[in-house]
Amino acid sequence: MTGFGAGERESKGVLYRTELRALNSKGLDINVKLSSNLKSFEPVLRKHLGTLSRGKIDLIVSEERNQGVLTQTSLNLPLMHAYCAQLKAFAEQEGLRQDDMLRSILTLPDVVIDHSEGTDVEAIQSALEEAIQDAIAALNEFRRQEGTALESDVRQRIDFLRQHLTEMEPWESERTERIREKLSKELKLLAQEVQADPGRLEMEMIFYIEKLDISEEKVRLQAHCDYFVSVLEEPDFHEKGKKLGFIAQEMGREVNTIGSKANHSGIQKIVVLMKDEIEKIKEQVNNIL
């Protein structure tokens, strides 16, 4: 499930900003982008991100110093010259534009030297933790809103499946009568040539019609639809999307069986529509956590 969240906190003149971007993924894949002076806080930040459900999560942490803090820093000019020379050579070799190179150089490791007396590690960690908690809350809210839209969509598709089941009923009764008439006609022709037990022929005809009966599949499909909705409504169910995916697979099996038994063009057309709805449900379920 996609999503975005951001949070920020200030500590001793430095504004720490955390940004989270999430894409859908089967597992939890975390990628953290930090400046070199904040690398030691990565394990703490990853621990907070572990509370998220699955997804490909990108965390970007930036810091912005106010004017008072900047007076306690200086630039490592020799290193900046070295960076500049290498970047220019690379840009010329690859045919890249060289505009705004200074901004890029200032973000490289060890360019800014901090002359302040000591670093309050606890204060920085506290600011980062509060900022990432805000970002996680915003991301979860973003996901919740997207989840509401997904729920509305799959509910509508379940309603379509139920509607298609109802649409089958006229075709089903017509199909049964047509098969019965066809078999009766063929049996009468056969009886003119072969001596057979009328009672046995009637039993075989009933058995054949029962093999084509789709009542059980329709009942099971209706039950799967009901179960799908009940799981969808369960509060705080962990990995709900995975369970809904399993139910959607069972729904697909019942529809496939109905299609194989249909023996009627009208029912086959409805089966195609039902398969299309189930495939769309499966696609949406992949985005549900």
C-alpha atoms as a PDB file:
ATOM      1  CA  MET A   1       0.000   0.000   0.000  1.00  0.00           C
ATOM      2  CA  THR A   2       1.413   3.382  -0.967  1.00  0.00           C
ATOM      3  CA  GLY A   3       1.690   6.248   1.462  1.00  0.00           C
ATOM      4  CA  PHE A   4       3.621   9.296   2.661  1.00  0.00           C
ATOM      5  CA  GLY A   5       4.273  10.789   6.057  1.00  0.00           C
ATOM      6  CA  ALA A   6       6.550  13.480   7.497  1.00  0.00           C
ATOM      7  CA  GLY A   7       7.505  14.763  10.919  1.00  0.00           C
ATOM      8  CA  GLU A   8       9.959  17.306  12.317  1.00  0.00           C
ATOM      9  CA  ARG A   9      11.451  18.338  15.659  1.00  0.00           C
ATOM     10  CA  GLU A  10      13.986  21.001  16.683  1.00  0.00           C
ATOM     11  CA  SER A  11      16.837  20.448  19.112  1.00  0.00           C
ATOM     12  CA  LYS A  12      19.386  23.136  20.044  1.00  0.00           C
ATOM     13  CA  GLY A  13      18.928  25.166  16.889  1.00  0.00           C
ATOM     14  CA  VAL A  14      18.817  22.202  14.500  1.00  0.00           C
ATOM     15  CA  LEU A  15      15.573  21.171  12.778  1.00  0.00           C
ATOM     16  CA  TYR A  16      15.395  17.428  12.124  1.00  0.00           C
ATOM     17  CA  ARG A  17      12.907  16.356   9.454  1.00  0.00           C
ATOM     18  CA  THR A  18      11.898  12.770   8.690  1.00  0.00           C
ATOM     19  CA  GLU A  19      10.054  11.722   5.529  1.00  0.00           C
ATOM     20  CA  LEU A  20       8.540   8.285   4.891  1.00  0.00           C
ATOM     21  CA  ARG A  21       7.529   6.996   1.481  1.00  0.00           C
ATOM     22  CA  ALA A  22       5.855   3.590   1.181  1.00  0.00           C
ATOM     23  CA  LEU A  23       5.164   1.335  -1.786  1.00  0.00           C
ATOM     24  CA  ASN A  24       3.348  -1.983  -1.829  1.00  0.00           C
ATOM     25  CA  SER A  25       5.453  -5.065  -1.079  1.00  0.00           C
ATOM     26  CA  LYS A  26       4.880  -8.596   0.219  1.00  0.00           C
ATOM     27  CA  GLY A  27       7.307  -8.049   3.109  1.00  0.00           C
ATOM     28  CA  LEU A  28       8.793  -5.159   5.074  1.00  0.00           C
ATOM     29  CA  ASP A  29      11.735  -3.690   3.156  1.00  0.00           C
ATOM     30  CA  ILE A  30      13.308  -0.640   4.842  1.00  0.00           C
ATOM     31  CA  ASN A  31      15.764   1.727   3.193  1.00  0.00           C
ATOM     32  CA  VAL A  32      17.240   4.529   5.352  1.00  0.00           C
ATOM     33  CA  LYS A  33      19.006   7.624   3.995  1.00  0.00           C
ATOM     34  CA  LEU A  34      20.930   9.592   6.648  1.00  0.00           C
ATOM     35  CA  SER A  35      23.763  12.108   6.702  1.00  0.00           C
ATOM     36  CA  SER A  36      27.054  10.735   8.007  1.00  0.00           C
ATOM     37  CA  ASN A  37      26.781  12.475  11.408  1.00  0.00           C
ATOM     38  CA  LEU A  38      23.407  10.777  12.056  1.00  0.00           C
ATOM     39  CA  LYS A  39      24.400   7.226  11.040  1.00  0.00           C
ATOM     40  CA  SER A  40      24.688   6.112  14.644  1.00  0.00           C
ATOM     41  CA  PHE A  41      20.934   6.674  15.103  1.00  0.00           C
ATOM     42  CA  GLU A  42      19.936   4.347  12.259  1.00  0.00           C
ATOM     43  CA  PRO A  43      19.263   1.264  14.487  1.00  0.00           C
ATOM     44  CA  VAL A  44      16.920   3.311  16.689  1.00  0.00           C
ATOM     45  CA  LEU A  45      15.024   4.641  13.674  1.00  0.00           C
ATOM     46  CA  ARG A  46      14.755   1.164  12.127  1.00  0.00           C
ATOM     47  CA  LYS A  47      13.307  -0.135  15.384  1.00  0.00           C
ATOM     48  CA  HIS A  48      10.462   2.381  15.148  1.00  0.00           C
ATOM     49  CA  LEU A  49       9.846   1.468  11.502  1.00  0.00           C
ATOM     50  CA  GLY A  50       9.492  -2.177  12.531  1.00  0.00           C
ATOM     51  CA  THR A  51       6.027  -1.330  13.853  1.00  0.00           C
ATOM     52  CA  LEU A  52       4.816  -0.785  10.286  1.00  0.00           C
ATOM     53  CA  SER A  53       3.138  -3.557   8.358  1.00  0.00           C
ATOM     54  CA  ARG A  54       4.602  -4.813   5.105  1.00  0.00           C
ATOM     55  CA  GLY A  55       5.744  -2.422   2.414  1.00  0.00           C
ATOM     56  CA  LYS A  56       8.846  -0.978   0.749  1.00  0.00           C
ATOM     57  CA  ILE A  57       9.644   1.895   3.117  1.00  0.00           C
ATOM     58  CA  ASP A  58      12.072   4.717   2.291  1.00  0.00           C
ATOM     59  CA  LEU A  59      13.120   6.913   5.214  1.00  0.00           C
ATOM     60  CA  ILE A  60      14.902  10.214   4.472  1.00  0.00           C
ATOM     61  CA  VAL A  61      16.236  12.241   7.400  1.00  0.00           C
ATOM     62  CA  SER A  62      17.493  15.794   6.856  1.00  0.00           C
ATOM     63  CA  GLU A  63      18.713  18.508   9.217  1.00  0.00           C
ATOM     64  CA  GLU A  64      18.562  22.278   8.901  1.00  0.00           C
ATOM     65  CA  ARG A  65      20.670  24.519  11.148  1.00  0.00           C
ATOM     66  CA  ASN A  66      19.618  28.054  12.072  1.00  0.00           C
ATOM     67  CA  GLN A  67      21.959  31.031  11.840  1.00  0.00           C
ATOM     68  CA  GLY A  68      23.175  30.749  15.446  1.00  0.00           C
ATOM     69  CA  VAL A  69      24.242  27.171  14.959  1.00  0.00           C
ATOM     70  CA  LEU A  70      25.887  27.914  11.624  1.00  0.00           C
ATOM     71  CA  THR A  71      28.347  30.303  13.358  1.00  0.00           C
ATOM     72  CA  GLN A  72      29.736  27.249  15.189  1.00  0.00           C
ATOM     73  CA  THR A  73      30.553  25.462  11.939  1.00  0.00           C
ATOM     74  CA  SER A  74      33.050  25.909   9.123  1.00  0.00           C
ATOM     75  CA  LEU A  75      33.590  24.433   5.682  1.00  0.00           C
ATOM     76  CA  ASN A  76      36.288  21.900   4.885  1.00  0.00           C
ATOM     77  CA  LEU A  77      37.567  23.819   1.849  1.00  0.00           C
ATOM     78  CA  PRO A  78      40.327  21.366   0.742  1.00  0.00           C
ATOM     79  CA  LEU A  79      37.804  18.562   0.715  1.00  0.00           C
ATOM     80  CA  MET A  80      35.299  20.731  -1.164  1.00  0.00           C
ATOM     81  CA  HIS A  81      37.945  21.465  -3.841  1.00  0.00           C
ATOM     82  CA  ALA A  82      38.618  17.742  -4.189  1.00  0.00           C
ATOM     83  CA  TYR A  83      34.893  16.954  -4.474  1.00  0.00           C
ATOM     84  CA  CYS A  84      34.434  19.757  -7.026  1.00  0.00           C
ATOM     85  CA  ALA A  85      37.280  18.538  -9.243  1.00  0.00           C
ATOM     86  CA  GLN A  86      35.977  14.975  -9.247  1.00  0.00           C
ATOM     87  CA  LEU A  87      32.401  16.038  -9.937  1.00  0.00           C
ATOM     88  CA  LYS A  88      33.445  18.318 -12.812  1.00  0.00           C
ATOM     89  CA  ALA A  89      35.537  15.566 -14.376  1.00  0.00           C
ATOM     90  CA  PHE A  90      32.685  13.097 -14.067  1.00  0.00           C
ATOM     91  CA  ALA A  91      30.167  15.581 -15.499  1.00  0.00           C
ATOM     92  CA  GLU A  92      32.390  16.348 -18.516  1.00  0.00           C
ATOM     93  CA  GLN A  93      33.020  12.650 -19.126  1.00  0.00           C
ATOM     94  CA  GLU A  94      29.311  11.784 -19.016  1.00  0.00           C
ATOM     95  CA  GLY A  95      28.087  14.954 -20.723  1.00  0.00           C
ATOM     96  CA  LEU A  96      26.098  16.096 -17.695  1.00  0.00           C
ATOM     97  CA  ARG A  97      25.117  19.628 -16.662  1.00  0.00           C
ATOM     98  CA  GLN A  98      27.210  21.211 -13.900  1.00  0.00           C
ATOM     99  CA  ASP A  99      24.751  23.794 -12.579  1.00  0.00           C
ATOM    100  CA  ASP A 100      24.035  23.996  -8.839  1.00  0.00           C
ATOM    101  CA  MET A 101      27.045  21.841  -7.991  1.00  0.00           C
ATOM    102  CA  LEU A 102      27.624  23.723  -4.714  1.00  0.00           C
ATOM    103  CA  ARG A 103      24.329  22.468  -3.266  1.00  0.00           C
ATOM    104  CA  SER A 104      25.361  18.902  -4.046  1.00  0.00           C
ATOM    105  CA  ILE A 105      28.832  19.322  -2.553  1.00  0.00           C
ATOM    106  CA  LEU A 106      27.449  20.696   0.724  1.00  0.00           C
ATOM    107  CA  THR A 107      25.494  17.478   1.255  1.00  0.00           C
ATOM    108  CA  LEU A 108      28.577  15.250   0.894  1.00  0.00           C
ATOM    109  CA  PRO A 109      30.223  13.689   3.978  1.00  0.00           C
ATOM    110  CA  ASP A 110      32.554  15.769   6.190  1.00  0.00           C
ATOM    111  CA  VAL A 111      32.173  19.006   4.196  1.00  0.00           C
ATOM    112  CA  VAL A 112      30.648  20.876   7.158  1.00  0.00           C
ATOM    113  CA  ILE A 113      32.819  20.840  10.297  1.00  0.00           C
ATOM    114  CA  ASP A 114      31.044  21.252  13.641  1.00  0.00           C
ATOM    115  CA  HIS A 115      33.044  23.290  16.225  1.00  0.00           C
ATOM    116  CA  SER A 116      30.391  23.272  18.946  1.00  0.00           C
ATOM    117  CA  GLU A 117      31.451  21.925  22.327  1.00  0.00           C
ATOM    118  CA  GLY A 118      30.206  18.364  22.496  1.00  0.00           C
ATOM    119  CA  THR A 119      27.049  16.847  21.077  1.00  0.00           C
ATOM    120  CA  ASP A 120      23.960  16.126  23.113  1.00  0.00           C
ATOM    121  CA  VAL A 121      23.273  12.632  21.791  1.00  0.00           C
ATOM    122  CA  GLU A 122      20.209  12.119  23.947  1.00  0.00           C
ATOM    123  CA  ALA A 123      18.610  15.366  22.766  1.00  0.00           C
ATOM    124  CA  ILE A 124      19.227  14.495  19.105  1.00  0.00           C
ATOM    125  CA  GLN A 125      17.872  10.977  19.543  1.00  0.00           C
ATOM    126  CA  SER A 126      14.788  12.274  21.299  1.00  0.00           C
ATOM    127  CA  ALA A 127      14.142  14.776  18.517  1.00  0.00           C
ATOM    128  CA  LEU A 128      14.605  12.116  15.833  1.00  0.00           C
ATOM    129  CA  GLU A 129      12.341   9.622  17.610  1.00  0.00           C
ATOM    130  CA  GLU A 130       9.550  12.161  18.057  1.00  0.00           C
ATOM    131  CA  ALA A 131       9.876  13.237  14.418  1.00  0.00           C
ATOM    132  CA  ILE A 132       9.719   9.672  13.095  1.00  0.00           C
ATOM    133  CA  GLN A 133       6.740   8.856  15.327  1.00  0.00           C
ATOM    134  CA  ASP A 134       4.894  11.794  13.758  1.00  0.00           C
ATOM    135  CA  ALA A 135       5.891  10.569  10.287  1.00  0.00           C
ATOM    136  CA  ILE A 136       4.670   7.041  11.041  1.00  0.00           C
ATOM    137  CA  ALA A 137       1.357   8.388  12.346  1.00  0.00           C
ATOM    138  CA  ALA A 138       0.920  10.466   9.174  1.00  0.00           C
ATOM    139  CA  LEU A 139       1.819   7.468   6.984  1.00  0.00           C
ATOM    140  CA  ASN A 140      -0.674   5.239   8.803  1.00  0.00           C
ATOM    141  CA  GLU A 141      -3.386   7.865   8.375  1.00  0.00           C
ATOM    142  CA  PHE A 142      -2.559   8.089   4.666  1.00  0.00           C
ATOM    143  CA  ARG A 143      -2.840   4.296   4.437  1.00  0.00           C
ATOM    144  CA  ARG A 144      -6.091   4.303   6.403  1.00  0.00           C
ATOM    145  CA  GLN A 145      -7.671   6.725   3.930  1.00  0.00           C
ATOM    146  CA  GLU A 146      -6.446   4.668   0.980  1.00  0.00           C
ATOM    147  CA  GLY A 147      -7.722   1.527   2.717  1.00  0.00           C
ATOM    148  CA  THR A 148     -11.189   3.068   3.041  1.00  0.00           C
ATOM    149  CA  ALA A 149     -11.250   3.621  -0.717  1.00  0.00           C
ATOM    150  CA  LEU A 150     -10.036   0.056  -1.351  1.00  0.00           C
ATOM    151  CA  GLU A 151     -12.705  -1.349   0.974  1.00  0.00           C
ATOM    152  CA  SER A 152     -15.415   0.530  -0.897  1.00  0.00           C
ATOM    153  CA  ASP A 153     -14.132  -0.801  -4.218  1.00  0.00           C
ATOM    154  CA  VAL A 154     -13.952  -4.489  -3.214  1.00  0.00           C
ATOM    155  CA  ARG A 155     -17.348  -4.306  -1.478  1.00  0.00           C
ATOM    156  CA  GLN A 156     -18.836  -3.048  -4.733  1.00  0.00           C
ATOM    157  CA  ARG A 157     -17.237  -5.905  -6.655  1.00  0.00           C
ATOM    158  CA  ILE A 158     -18.587  -8.457  -4.161  1.00  0.00           C
ATOM    159  CA  ASP A 159     -22.036  -6.945  -4.753  1.00  0.00           C
ATOM    160  CA  PHE A 160     -21.491  -7.377  -8.498  1.00  0.00           C
ATOM    161  CA  LEU A 161     -20.701 -11.082  -7.958  1.00  0.00           C
ATOM    162  CA  ARG A 162     -23.900 -11.552  -5.974  1.00  0.00           C
ATOM    163  CA  GLN A 163     -25.845  -9.739  -8.670  1.00  0.00           C
ATOM    164  CA  HIS A 164     -24.353 -12.002 -11.349  1.00  0.00           C
ATOM    165  CA  LEU A 165     -25.413 -15.057  -9.331  1.00  0.00           C
ATOM    166  CA  THR A 166     -28.983 -13.789  -9.383  1.00  0.00           C
ATOM    167  CA  GLU A 167     -28.755 -13.145 -13.132  1.00  0.00           C
ATOM    168  CA  MET A 168     -27.933 -16.821 -13.691  1.00  0.00           C
ATOM    169  CA  GLU A 169     -31.224 -18.113 -12.320  1.00  0.00           C
ATOM    170  CA  PRO A 170     -33.415 -17.607 -15.446  1.00  0.00           C
ATOM    171  CA  TRP A 171     -30.704 -19.102 -17.657  1.00  0.00           C
ATOM    172  CA  GLU A 172     -30.242 -22.017 -15.293  1.00  0.00           C
ATOM    173  CA  SER A 173     -33.879 -23.131 -15.337  1.00  0.00           C
ATOM    174  CA  GLU A 174     -33.982 -22.727 -19.121  1.00  0.00           C
ATOM    175  CA  ARG A 175     -30.774 -24.730 -19.495  1.00  0.00           C
ATOM    176  CA  THR A 176     -32.074 -27.625 -17.357  1.00  0.00           C
ATOM    177  CA  GLU A 177     -35.314 -27.854 -19.337  1.00  0.00           C
ATOM    178  CA  ARG A 178     -33.445 -27.675 -22.649  1.00  0.00           C
ATOM    179  CA  ILE A 179     -31.073 -30.486 -21.633  1.00  0.00           C
ATOM    180  CA  ARG A 180     -33.967 -32.628 -20.430  1.00  0.00           C
ATOM    181  CA  GLU A 181     -35.855 -32.178 -23.705  1.00  0.00           C
ATOM    182  CA  LYS A 182     -32.764 -32.926 -25.762  1.00  0.00           C
ATOM    183  CA  LEU A 183     -31.996 -36.100 -23.835  1.00  0.00           C
ATOM    184  CA  SER A 184     -35.610 -37.272 -24.001  1.00  0.00           C
ATOM    185  CA  LYS A 185     -35.655 -36.783 -27.766  1.00  0.00           C
ATOM    186  CA  GLU A 186     -32.391 -38.678 -28.239  1.00  0.00           C
ATOM    187  CA  LEU A 187     -33.517 -41.494 -25.937  1.00  0.00           C
ATOM    188  CA  LYS A 188     -36.748 -41.935 -27.894  1.00  0.00           C
ATOM    189  CA  LEU A 189     -34.768 -42.252 -31.114  1.00  0.00           C
ATOM    190  CA  LEU A 190     -32.417 -44.696 -29.436  1.00  0.00           C
ATOM    191  CA  ALA A 191     -35.323 -46.771 -28.081  1.00  0.00           C
ATOM    192  CA  GLN A 192     -36.474 -47.441 -31.648  1.00  0.00           C
ATOM    193  CA  GLU A 193     -33.214 -49.237 -32.353  1.00  0.00           C
ATOM    194  CA  VAL A 194     -32.184 -50.703 -28.969  1.00  0.00           C
ATOM    195  CA  GLN A 195     -34.225 -52.430 -26.293  1.00  0.00           C
ATOM    196  CA  ALA A 196     -33.510 -50.735 -22.933  1.00  0.00           C
ATOM    197  CA  ASP A 197     -34.998 -50.519 -19.485  1.00  0.00           C
ATOM    198  CA  PRO A 198     -37.026 -47.251 -19.375  1.00  0.00           C
ATOM    199  CA  GLY A 199     -36.447 -46.956 -15.608  1.00  0.00           C
ATOM    200  CA  ARG A 200     -32.680 -47.258 -16.023  1.00  0.00           C
ATOM    201  CA  LEU A 201     -32.652 -44.686 -18.811  1.00  0.00           C
ATOM    202  CA  GLU A 202     -34.595 -42.273 -16.616  1.00  0.00           C
ATOM    203  CA  MET A 203     -32.089 -42.761 -13.793  1.00  0.00           C
ATOM    204  CA  GLU A 204     -29.146 -42.145 -16.129  1.00  0.00           C
ATOM    205  CA  MET A 205     -30.797 -38.987 -17.431  1.00  0.00           C
ATOM    206  CA  ILE A 206     -31.334 -37.699 -13.897  1.00  0.00           C
ATOM    207  CA  PHE A 207     -27.721 -38.551 -13.007  1.00  0.00           C
ATOM    208  CA  TYR A 208     -26.437 -36.683 -16.072  1.00  0.00           C
ATOM    209  CA  ILE A 209     -28.512 -33.590 -15.284  1.00  0.00           C
ATOM    210  CA  GLU A 210     -27.308 -33.654 -11.652  1.00  0.00           C
ATOM    211  CA  LYS A 211     -23.684 -33.689 -12.854  1.00  0.00           C
ATOM    212  CA  LEU A 212     -24.372 -30.417 -14.669  1.00  0.00           C
ATOM    213  CA  ASP A 213     -26.164 -28.888 -11.696  1.00  0.00           C
ATOM    214  CA  ILE A 214     -24.399 -25.757 -10.346  1.00  0.00           C
ATOM    215  CA  SER A 215     -26.504 -25.218  -7.230  1.00  0.00           C
ATOM    216  CA  GLU A 216     -23.753 -26.306  -4.811  1.00  0.00           C
ATOM    217  CA  GLU A 217     -21.178 -24.083  -6.479  1.00  0.00           C
ATOM    218  CA  LYS A 218     -23.531 -21.117  -6.281  1.00  0.00           C
ATOM    219  CA  VAL A 219     -24.184 -21.738  -2.584  1.00  0.00           C
ATOM    220  CA  ARG A 220     -20.455 -22.012  -1.835  1.00  0.00           C
ATOM    221  CA  LEU A 221     -19.690 -18.879  -3.850  1.00  0.00           C
ATOM    222  CA  GLN A 222     -22.362 -16.970  -1.927  1.00  0.00           C
ATOM    223  CA  ALA A 223     -20.844 -18.238   1.337  1.00  0.00           C
ATOM    224  CA  HIS A 224     -17.371 -17.107   0.212  1.00  0.00           C
ATOM    225  CA  CYS A 225     -18.763 -13.646  -0.575  1.00  0.00           C
ATOM    226  CA  ASP A 226     -20.317 -13.433   2.900  1.00  0.00           C
ATOM    227  CA  TYR A 227     -17.088 -14.606   4.540  1.00  0.00           C
ATOM    228  CA  PHE A 228     -15.040 -12.107   2.520  1.00  0.00           C
ATOM    229  CA  VAL A 229     -17.183  -9.225   3.782  1.00  0.00           C
ATOM    230  CA  SER A 230     -17.074 -10.488   7.387  1.00  0.00           C
ATOM    231  CA  VAL A 231     -13.246 -10.609   7.305  1.00  0.00           C
ATOM    232  CA  LEU A 232     -13.202  -7.157   5.735  1.00  0.00           C
ATOM    233  CA  GLU A 233     -15.194  -5.854   8.710  1.00  0.00           C
ATOM    234  CA  GLU A 234     -13.019  -7.481  11.391  1.00  0.00           C
ATOM    235  CA  PRO A 235     -11.345  -4.746  13.506  1.00  0.00           C
ATOM    236  CA  ASP A 236      -7.551  -4.635  13.785  1.00  0.00           C
ATOM    237  CA  PHE A 237      -7.070  -7.939  11.969  1.00  0.00           C
ATOM    238  CA  HIS A 238      -3.362  -8.532  11.267  1.00  0.00           C
ATOM    239  CA  GLU A 239      -2.443  -9.436   7.671  1.00  0.00           C
ATOM    240  CA  LYS A 240      -6.062  -9.131   6.588  1.00  0.00           C
ATOM    241  CA  GLY A 241      -5.041  -8.796   2.954  1.00  0.00           C
ATOM    242  CA  LYS A 242      -3.448 -12.252   2.898  1.00  0.00           C
ATOM    243  CA  LYS A 243      -6.598 -13.923   4.254  1.00  0.00           C
ATOM    244  CA  LEU A 244      -8.796 -12.029   1.810  1.00  0.00           C
ATOM    245  CA  GLY A 245      -6.515 -13.235  -0.980  1.00  0.00           C
ATOM    246  CA  PHE A 246      -7.091 -16.869   0.028  1.00  0.00           C
ATOM    247  CA  ILE A 247     -10.868 -16.334   0.040  1.00  0.00           C
ATOM    248  CA  ALA A 248     -10.699 -14.702  -3.408  1.00  0.00           C
ATOM    249  CA  GLN A 249      -8.859 -17.785  -4.710  1.00  0.00           C
ATOM    250  CA  GLU A 250     -11.666 -20.035  -3.439  1.00  0.00           C
ATOM    251  CA  MET A 251     -14.222 -17.776  -5.099  1.00  0.00           C
ATOM    252  CA  GLY A 252     -12.318 -18.155  -8.360  1.00  0.00           C
ATOM    253  CA  ARG A 253     -12.395 -21.952  -8.096  1.00  0.00           C
ATOM    254  CA  GLU A 254     -16.170 -21.997  -7.685  1.00  0.00           C
ATOM    255  CA  VAL A 255     -16.648 -19.703 -10.671  1.00  0.00           C
ATOM    256  CA  ASN A 256     -14.341 -21.905 -12.794  1.00  0.00           C
ATOM    257  CA  THR A 257     -16.391 -24.976 -11.867  1.00  0.00           C
ATOM    258  CA  ILE A 258     -19.617 -23.175 -12.773  1.00  0.00           C
ATOM    259  CA  GLY A 259     -18.081 -22.310 -16.127  1.00  0.00           C
ATOM    260  CA  SER A 260     -17.047 -25.915 -16.802  1.00  0.00           C
ATOM    261  CA  LYS A 261     -20.570 -27.144 -16.000  1.00  0.00           C
ATOM    262  CA  ALA A 262     -22.476 -24.301 -17.633  1.00  0.00           C
ATOM    263  CA  ASN A 263     -23.212 -25.797 -21.057  1.00  0.00           C
ATOM    264  CA  HIS A 264     -25.077 -22.578 -21.839  1.00  0.00           C
ATOM    265  CA  SER A 265     -23.879 -19.449 -23.657  1.00  0.00           C
ATOM    266  CA  GLY A 266     -25.836 -17.076 -21.392  1.00  0.00           C
ATOM    267  CA  ILE A 267     -24.293 -18.530 -18.230  1.00  0.00           C
ATOM    268  CA  GLN A 268     -20.831 -18.562 -19.834  1.00  0.00           C
ATOM    269  CA  LYS A 269     -21.081 -14.831 -20.515  1.00  0.00           C
ATOM    270  CA  ILE A 270     -21.942 -14.218 -16.855  1.00  0.00           C
ATOM    271  CA  VAL A 271     -19.029 -16.446 -15.792  1.00  0.00           C
ATOM    272  CA  VAL A 272     -16.648 -14.268 -17.839  1.00  0.00           C
ATOM    273  CA  LEU A 273     -17.941 -11.167 -16.057  1.00  0.00           C
ATOM    274  CA  MET A 274     -17.516 -12.866 -12.664  1.00  0.00           C
ATOM    275  CA  LYS A 275     -13.947 -13.913 -13.457  1.00  0.00           C
ATOM    276  CA  ASP A 276     -13.124 -10.323 -14.391  1.00  0.00           C
ATOM    277  CA  GLU A 277     -14.509  -9.059 -11.057  1.00  0.00           C
ATOM    278  CA  ILE A 278     -12.547 -11.667  -9.086  1.00  0.00           C
ATOM    279  CA  GLU A 279      -9.293 -10.745 -10.841  1.00  0.00           C
ATOM    280  CA  LYS A 280      -9.874  -7.097  -9.948  1.00  0.00           C
ATOM    281  CA  ILE A 281     -10.611  -8.106  -6.345  1.00  0.00           C
ATOM    282  CA  LYS A 282      -7.306 -10.031  -6.212  1.00  0.00           C
ATOM    283  CA  GLU A 283      -5.424  -6.993  -7.527  1.00  0.00           C
ATOM    284  CA  GLN A 284      -6.958  -4.745  -4.867  1.00  0.00           C
ATOM    285  CA  VAL A 285      -6.439  -7.290  -2.090  1.00  0.00           C
ATOM    286  CA  ASN A 286      -2.678  -7.174  -2.789  1.00  0.00           C
ATOM    287  CA  ASN A 287      -2.780  -3.552  -1.596  1.00  0.00           C
ATOM    288  CA  ILE A 288      -4.589  -4.343   1.653  1.00  0.00           C
ATOM    289  CA  LEU A 289      -2.348  -4.767   4.710  1.00  0.00           C
END
